[in-house]
Amino acid sequence: MSGLSWAMDIHEQCKAAGVAFFFKQAGLNPVYRGKSRQLKHHHGGDWGEWPVEWRARNFPKAFQVQAI
């Protein structure tokens, strides 16, 4: 698997297993589905630049605050 395909494959596996997945950085010039994506932010840190399918920031239930 090349580019970010491996990360998105893991993301799908985590969703299927009910496991949290947190994708932090895409890199400056990530490749996804055979296309290079030029991002402005260093290391791809601006989440707003990412395609929607890359936006995965889940937290384990133990880290989520419970409303009282």
PDB file of N, CA and C in Angstrom:
ATOM      1  N   MET A   1       0.846  -1.175   0.000  1.00  0.00           N
ATOM      2  CA  MET A   1       0.000   0.000   0.000  1.00  0.00           C
ATOM      3  C   MET A   1       0.891   1.237   0.000  1.00  0.00           C
ATOM      4  N   SER A   2       0.510   2.231  -0.756  1.00  0.00           N
ATOM      5  CA  SER A   2       1.351   3.420  -0.836  1.00  0.00           C
ATOM      6  C   SER A   2       0.639   4.636  -0.270  1.00  0.00           C
ATOM      7  N   GLY A   3       1.428   5.682  -0.042  1.00  0.00           N
ATOM      8  CA  GLY A   3       0.868   6.943   0.444  1.00  0.00           C
ATOM      9  C   GLY A   3       0.108   6.757   1.742  1.00  0.00           C
ATOM     10  N   LEU A   4      -1.032   7.402   1.842  1.00  0.00           N
ATOM     11  CA  LEU A   4      -1.840   7.342   3.058  1.00  0.00           C
ATOM     12  C   LEU A   4      -2.873   6.229   3.037  1.00  0.00           C
ATOM     13  N   SER A   5      -2.863   5.415   1.996  1.00  0.00           N
ATOM     14  CA  SER A   5      -3.840   4.326   1.905  1.00  0.00           C
ATOM     15  C   SER A   5      -3.751   3.392   3.106  1.00  0.00           C
ATOM     16  N   TRP A   6      -2.540   3.128   3.586  1.00  0.00           N
ATOM     17  CA  TRP A   6      -2.365   2.235   4.739  1.00  0.00           C
ATOM     18  C   TRP A   6      -3.064   2.809   5.969  1.00  0.00           C
ATOM     19  N   ALA A   7      -2.966   4.126   6.165  1.00  0.00           N
ATOM     20  CA  ALA A   7      -3.585   4.746   7.337  1.00  0.00           C
ATOM     21  C   ALA A   7      -5.107   4.679   7.251  1.00  0.00           C
ATOM     22  N   MET A   8      -5.652   4.917   6.073  1.00  0.00           N
ATOM     23  CA  MET A   8      -7.093   4.869   5.914  1.00  0.00           C
ATOM     24  C   MET A   8      -7.612   3.438   6.005  1.00  0.00           C
ATOM     25  N   ASP A   9      -6.782   2.460   5.617  1.00  0.00           N
ATOM     26  CA  ASP A   9      -7.145   1.059   5.786  1.00  0.00           C
ATOM     27  C   ASP A   9      -7.234   0.716   7.276  1.00  0.00           C
ATOM     28  N   ILE A  10      -6.271   1.183   8.052  1.00  0.00           N
ATOM     29  CA  ILE A  10      -6.301   0.963   9.507  1.00  0.00           C
ATOM     30  C   ILE A  10      -7.511   1.662  10.114  1.00  0.00           C
ATOM     31  N   HIS A  11      -7.818   2.855   9.625  1.00  0.00           N
ATOM     32  CA  HIS A  11      -8.990   3.590  10.108  1.00  0.00           C
ATOM     33  C   HIS A  11     -10.260   2.755   9.915  1.00  0.00           C
ATOM     34  N   GLU A  12     -10.430   2.164   8.742  1.00  0.00           N
ATOM     35  CA  GLU A  12     -11.603   1.331   8.467  1.00  0.00           C
ATOM     36  C   GLU A  12     -11.629   0.096   9.367  1.00  0.00           C
ATOM     37  N   GLN A  13     -10.479  -0.515   9.605  1.00  0.00           N
ATOM     38  CA  GLN A  13     -10.402  -1.673  10.495  1.00  0.00           C
ATOM     39  C   GLN A  13     -10.792  -1.292  11.914  1.00  0.00           C
ATOM     40  N   CYS A  14     -10.341  -0.123  12.362  1.00  0.00           N
ATOM     41  CA  CYS A  14     -10.675   0.340  13.714  1.00  0.00           C
ATOM     42  C   CYS A  14     -12.175   0.596  13.844  1.00  0.00           C
ATOM     43  N   LYS A  15     -12.773   1.231  12.820  1.00  0.00           N
ATOM     44  CA  LYS A  15     -14.221   1.465  12.853  1.00  0.00           C
ATOM     45  C   LYS A  15     -14.980   0.152  12.953  1.00  0.00           C
ATOM     46  N   ALA A  16     -14.579  -0.831  12.153  1.00  0.00           N
ATOM     47  CA  ALA A  16     -15.250  -2.132  12.162  1.00  0.00           C
ATOM     48  C   ALA A  16     -15.116  -2.840  13.517  1.00  0.00           C
ATOM     49  N   ALA A  17     -13.993  -2.624  14.199  1.00  0.00           N
ATOM     50  CA  ALA A  17     -13.739  -3.280  15.487  1.00  0.00           C
ATOM     51  C   ALA A  17     -14.212  -2.447  16.682  1.00  0.00           C
ATOM     52  N   GLY A  18     -14.717  -1.222  16.417  1.00  0.00           N
ATOM     53  CA  GLY A  18     -15.157  -0.358  17.508  1.00  0.00           C
ATOM     54  C   GLY A  18     -14.004   0.204  18.320  1.00  0.00           C
ATOM     55  N   VAL A  19     -12.855   0.388  17.665  1.00  0.00           N
ATOM     56  CA  VAL A  19     -11.645   0.876  18.330  1.00  0.00           C
ATOM     57  C   VAL A  19     -11.377   2.311  17.889  1.00  0.00           C
ATOM     58  N   ALA A  20     -10.938   3.156  18.816  1.00  0.00           N
ATOM     59  CA  ALA A  20     -10.630   4.549  18.500  1.00  0.00           C
ATOM     60  C   ALA A  20      -9.429   4.650  17.566  1.00  0.00           C
ATOM     61  N   PHE A  21      -9.475   5.607  16.657  1.00  0.00           N
ATOM     62  CA  PHE A  21      -8.390   5.857  15.710  1.00  0.00           C
ATOM     63  C   PHE A  21      -8.144   7.352  15.679  1.00  0.00           C
ATOM     64  N   PHE A  22      -6.892   7.766  15.828  1.00  0.00           N
ATOM     65  CA  PHE A  22      -6.529   9.184  15.847  1.00  0.00           C
ATOM     66  C   PHE A  22      -5.470   9.421  14.792  1.00  0.00           C
ATOM     67  N   PHE A  23      -5.811  10.172  13.754  1.00  0.00           N
ATOM     68  CA  PHE A  23      -4.873  10.481  12.674  1.00  0.00           C
ATOM     69  C   PHE A  23      -4.411  11.914  12.871  1.00  0.00           C
ATOM     70  N   LYS A  24      -3.131  12.089  13.196  1.00  0.00           N
ATOM     71  CA  LYS A  24      -2.630  13.395  13.596  1.00  0.00           C
ATOM     72  C   LYS A  24      -2.090  14.231  12.450  1.00  0.00           C
ATOM     73  N   GLN A  25      -1.186  13.705  11.643  1.00  0.00           N
ATOM     74  CA  GLN A  25      -0.535  14.500  10.610  1.00  0.00           C
ATOM     75  C   GLN A  25      -0.491  13.739   9.295  1.00  0.00           C
ATOM     76  N   ALA A  26      -0.736  14.476   8.205  1.00  0.00           N
ATOM     77  CA  ALA A  26      -0.730  13.857   6.887  1.00  0.00           C
ATOM     78  C   ALA A  26       0.597  14.050   6.166  1.00  0.00           C
ATOM     79  N   GLY A  27       1.444  14.924   6.658  1.00  0.00           N
ATOM     80  CA  GLY A  27       2.694  15.241   5.961  1.00  0.00           C
ATOM     81  C   GLY A  27       2.482  16.400   5.002  1.00  0.00           C
ATOM     82  N   LEU A  28       3.559  16.982   4.526  1.00  0.00           N
ATOM     83  CA  LEU A  28       3.474  18.169   3.671  1.00  0.00           C
ATOM     84  C   LEU A  28       2.921  17.850   2.284  1.00  0.00           C
ATOM     85  N   ASN A  29       3.320  16.741   1.696  1.00  0.00           N
ATOM     86  CA  ASN A  29       2.872  16.363   0.351  1.00  0.00           C
ATOM     87  C   ASN A  29       2.343  14.928   0.349  1.00  0.00           C
ATOM     88  N   PRO A  30       1.229  14.684   1.024  1.00  0.00           N
ATOM     89  CA  PRO A  30       0.718  13.323   1.099  1.00  0.00           C
ATOM     90  C   PRO A  30       0.179  12.829  -0.243  1.00  0.00           C
ATOM     91  N   VAL A  31       0.249  11.530  -0.428  1.00  0.00           N
ATOM     92  CA  VAL A  31      -0.299  10.894  -1.628  1.00  0.00           C
ATOM     93  C   VAL A  31      -1.438  10.000  -1.171  1.00  0.00           C
ATOM     94  N   TYR A  32      -2.587  10.171  -1.787  1.00  0.00           N
ATOM     95  CA  TYR A  32      -3.750   9.361  -1.432  1.00  0.00           C
ATOM     96  C   TYR A  32      -4.501   8.999  -2.698  1.00  0.00           C
ATOM     97  N   ARG A  33      -4.777   7.715  -2.847  1.00  0.00           N
ATOM     98  CA  ARG A  33      -5.452   7.196  -4.039  1.00  0.00           C
ATOM     99  C   ARG A  33      -4.729   7.606  -5.315  1.00  0.00           C
ATOM    100  N   GLY A  34      -3.393   7.573  -5.251  1.00  0.00           N
ATOM    101  CA  GLY A  34      -2.567   7.867  -6.412  1.00  0.00           C
ATOM    102  C   GLY A  34      -2.397   9.332  -6.759  1.00  0.00           C
ATOM    103  N   LYS A  35      -2.966  10.212  -5.952  1.00  0.00           N
ATOM    104  CA  LYS A  35      -2.863  11.648  -6.237  1.00  0.00           C
ATOM    105  C   LYS A  35      -2.107  12.355  -5.115  1.00  0.00           C
ATOM    106  N   SER A  36      -1.192  13.234  -5.505  1.00  0.00           N
ATOM    107  CA  SER A  36      -0.459  14.036  -4.529  1.00  0.00           C
ATOM    108  C   SER A  36      -1.349  15.195  -4.104  1.00  0.00           C
ATOM    109  N   ARG A  37      -1.417  15.429  -2.811  1.00  0.00           N
ATOM    110  CA  ARG A  37      -2.211  16.537  -2.273  1.00  0.00           C
ATOM    111  C   ARG A  37      -1.247  17.574  -1.713  1.00  0.00           C
ATOM    112  N   GLN A  38      -1.204  18.727  -2.295  1.00  0.00           N
ATOM    113  CA  GLN A  38      -0.339  19.804  -1.814  1.00  0.00           C
ATOM    114  C   GLN A  38      -1.042  20.527  -0.668  1.00  0.00           C
ATOM    115  N   LEU A  39      -0.472  20.435   0.510  1.00  0.00           N
ATOM    116  CA  LEU A  39      -1.034  21.106   1.686  1.00  0.00           C
ATOM    117  C   LEU A  39      -0.167  22.300   2.042  1.00  0.00           C
ATOM    118  N   LYS A  40      -0.788  23.363   2.509  1.00  0.00           N
ATOM    119  CA  LYS A  40      -0.061  24.590   2.848  1.00  0.00           C
ATOM    120  C   LYS A  40       0.640  24.490   4.204  1.00  0.00           C
ATOM    121  N   HIS A  41      -0.030  23.874   5.169  1.00  0.00           N
ATOM    122  CA  HIS A  41       0.497  23.820   6.533  1.00  0.00           C
ATOM    123  C   HIS A  41       1.622  22.792   6.629  1.00  0.00           C
ATOM    124  N   HIS A  42       2.702  23.154   7.304  1.00  0.00           N
ATOM    125  CA  HIS A  42       3.837  22.258   7.522  1.00  0.00           C
ATOM    126  C   HIS A  42       3.358  20.974   8.187  1.00  0.00           C
ATOM    127  N   HIS A  43       3.710  19.843   7.646  1.00  0.00           N
ATOM    128  CA  HIS A  43       3.337  18.513   8.134  1.00  0.00           C
ATOM    129  C   HIS A  43       1.836  18.231   8.024  1.00  0.00           C
ATOM    130  N   GLY A  44       1.097  19.050   7.304  1.00  0.00           N
ATOM    131  CA  GLY A  44      -0.335  18.795   7.157  1.00  0.00           C
ATOM    132  C   GLY A  44      -1.105  18.984   8.436  1.00  0.00           C
ATOM    133  N   GLY A  45      -0.651  19.910   9.286  1.00  0.00           N
ATOM    134  CA  GLY A  45      -1.263  20.117  10.594  1.00  0.00           C
ATOM    135  C   GLY A  45      -2.574  20.867  10.595  1.00  0.00           C
ATOM    136  N   ASP A  46      -2.983  21.466   9.462  1.00  0.00           N
ATOM    137  CA  ASP A  46      -4.260  22.169   9.402  1.00  0.00           C
ATOM    138  C   ASP A  46      -5.325  21.201   8.914  1.00  0.00           C
ATOM    139  N   TRP A  47      -6.116  20.715   9.826  1.00  0.00           N
ATOM    140  CA  TRP A  47      -7.121  19.698   9.541  1.00  0.00           C
ATOM    141  C   TRP A  47      -8.123  20.173   8.486  1.00  0.00           C
ATOM    142  N   GLY A  48      -8.349  21.467   8.402  1.00  0.00           N
ATOM    143  CA  GLY A  48      -9.279  22.024   7.433  1.00  0.00           C
ATOM    144  C   GLY A  48      -8.849  21.813   5.992  1.00  0.00           C
ATOM    145  N   GLU A  49      -7.569  21.581   5.756  1.00  0.00           N
ATOM    146  CA  GLU A  49      -7.062  21.328   4.405  1.00  0.00           C
ATOM    147  C   GLU A  49      -7.265  19.883   3.956  1.00  0.00           C
ATOM    148  N   TRP A  50      -7.542  18.990   4.875  1.00  0.00           N
ATOM    149  CA  TRP A  50      -7.631  17.573   4.573  1.00  0.00           C
ATOM    150  C   TRP A  50      -8.971  17.214   3.944  1.00  0.00           C
ATOM    151  N   PRO A  51      -8.976  16.247   3.046  1.00  0.00           N
ATOM    152  CA  PRO A  51     -10.250  15.701   2.571  1.00  0.00           C
ATOM    153  C   PRO A  51     -11.010  15.101   3.768  1.00  0.00           C
ATOM    154  N   VAL A  52     -12.306  15.097   3.706  1.00  0.00           N
ATOM    155  CA  VAL A  52     -13.139  14.637   4.825  1.00  0.00           C
ATOM    156  C   VAL A  52     -12.776  13.222   5.277  1.00  0.00           C
ATOM    157  N   GLU A  53     -12.450  12.332   4.331  1.00  0.00           N
ATOM    158  CA  GLU A  53     -12.171  10.944   4.726  1.00  0.00           C
ATOM    159  C   GLU A  53     -10.903  10.791   5.560  1.00  0.00           C
ATOM    160  N   TRP A  54     -10.047  11.801   5.591  1.00  0.00           N
ATOM    161  CA  TRP A  54      -8.840  11.745   6.427  1.00  0.00           C
ATOM    162  C   TRP A  54      -9.108  12.198   7.854  1.00  0.00           C
ATOM    163  N   ARG A  55     -10.190  12.872   8.097  1.00  0.00           N
ATOM    164  CA  ARG A  55     -10.447  13.511   9.397  1.00  0.00           C
ATOM    165  C   ARG A  55     -10.945  12.492  10.411  1.00  0.00           C
ATOM    166  N   ALA A  56     -10.007  11.857  11.078  1.00  0.00           N
ATOM    167  CA  ALA A  56     -10.328  10.816  12.044  1.00  0.00           C
ATOM    168  C   ALA A  56      -9.601  11.095  13.346  1.00  0.00           C
ATOM    169  N   ARG A  57     -10.340  11.572  14.314  1.00  0.00           N
ATOM    170  CA  ARG A  57      -9.760  11.834  15.634  1.00  0.00           C
ATOM    171  C   ARG A  57     -10.720  11.325  16.696  1.00  0.00           C
ATOM    172  N   ASN A  58     -10.641  10.049  16.928  1.00  0.00           N
ATOM    173  CA  ASN A  58     -11.487   9.411  17.927  1.00  0.00           C
ATOM    174  C   ASN A  58     -10.680   9.208  19.193  1.00  0.00           C
ATOM    175  N   PHE A  59     -11.356   9.235  20.313  1.00  0.00           N
ATOM    176  CA  PHE A  59     -10.699   9.009  21.591  1.00  0.00           C
ATOM    177  C   PHE A  59     -11.319   7.781  22.256  1.00  0.00           C
ATOM    178  N   PRO A  60     -10.516   6.985  22.956  1.00  0.00           N
ATOM    179  CA  PRO A  60     -11.071   5.841  23.684  1.00  0.00           C
ATOM    180  C   PRO A  60     -12.123   6.317  24.677  1.00  0.00           C
ATOM    181  N   LYS A  61     -13.122   5.494  24.921  1.00  0.00           N
ATOM    182  CA  LYS A  61     -14.205   5.868  25.836  1.00  0.00           C
ATOM    183  C   LYS A  61     -13.689   6.268  27.219  1.00  0.00           C
ATOM    184  N   ALA A  62     -12.602   5.665  27.668  1.00  0.00           N
ATOM    185  CA  ALA A  62     -12.050   5.986  28.999  1.00  0.00           C
ATOM    186  C   ALA A  62     -11.586   7.436  29.086  1.00  0.00           C
ATOM    187  N   PHE A  63     -11.289   8.082  27.935  1.00  0.00           N
ATOM    188  CA  PHE A  63     -10.823   9.460  27.930  1.00  0.00           C
ATOM    189  C   PHE A  63     -11.954  10.464  27.739  1.00  0.00           C
ATOM    190  N   GLN A  64     -13.132   9.983  27.462  1.00  0.00           N
ATOM    191  CA  GLN A  64     -14.253  10.882  27.230  1.00  0.00           C
ATOM    192  C   GLN A  64     -14.889  11.282  28.546  1.00  0.00           C
ATOM    193  N   VAL A  65     -15.212  12.548  28.668  1.00  0.00           N
ATOM    194  CA  VAL A  65     -15.833  13.067  29.902  1.00  0.00           C
ATOM    195  C   VAL A  65     -17.307  12.681  29.910  1.00  0.00           C
ATOM    196  N   GLN A  66     -17.736  12.152  31.026  1.00  0.00           N
ATOM    197  CA  GLN A  66     -19.138  11.770  31.178  1.00  0.00           C
ATOM    198  C   GLN A  66     -19.927  12.934  31.752  1.00  0.00           C
ATOM    199  N   ALA A  67     -21.032  13.268  31.118  1.00  0.00           N
ATOM    200  CA  ALA A  67     -21.901  14.340  31.627  1.00  0.00           C
ATOM    201  C   ALA A  67     -22.632  13.848  32.873  1.00  0.00           C
ATOM    202  N   ILE A  68     -22.755  14.732  33.831  1.00  0.00           N
ATOM    203  CA  ILE A  68     -23.442  14.368  35.087  1.00  0.00           C
ATOM    204  C   ILE A  68     -24.829  14.946  35.101  1.00  0.00           C
TER     205      ILE A  68
END
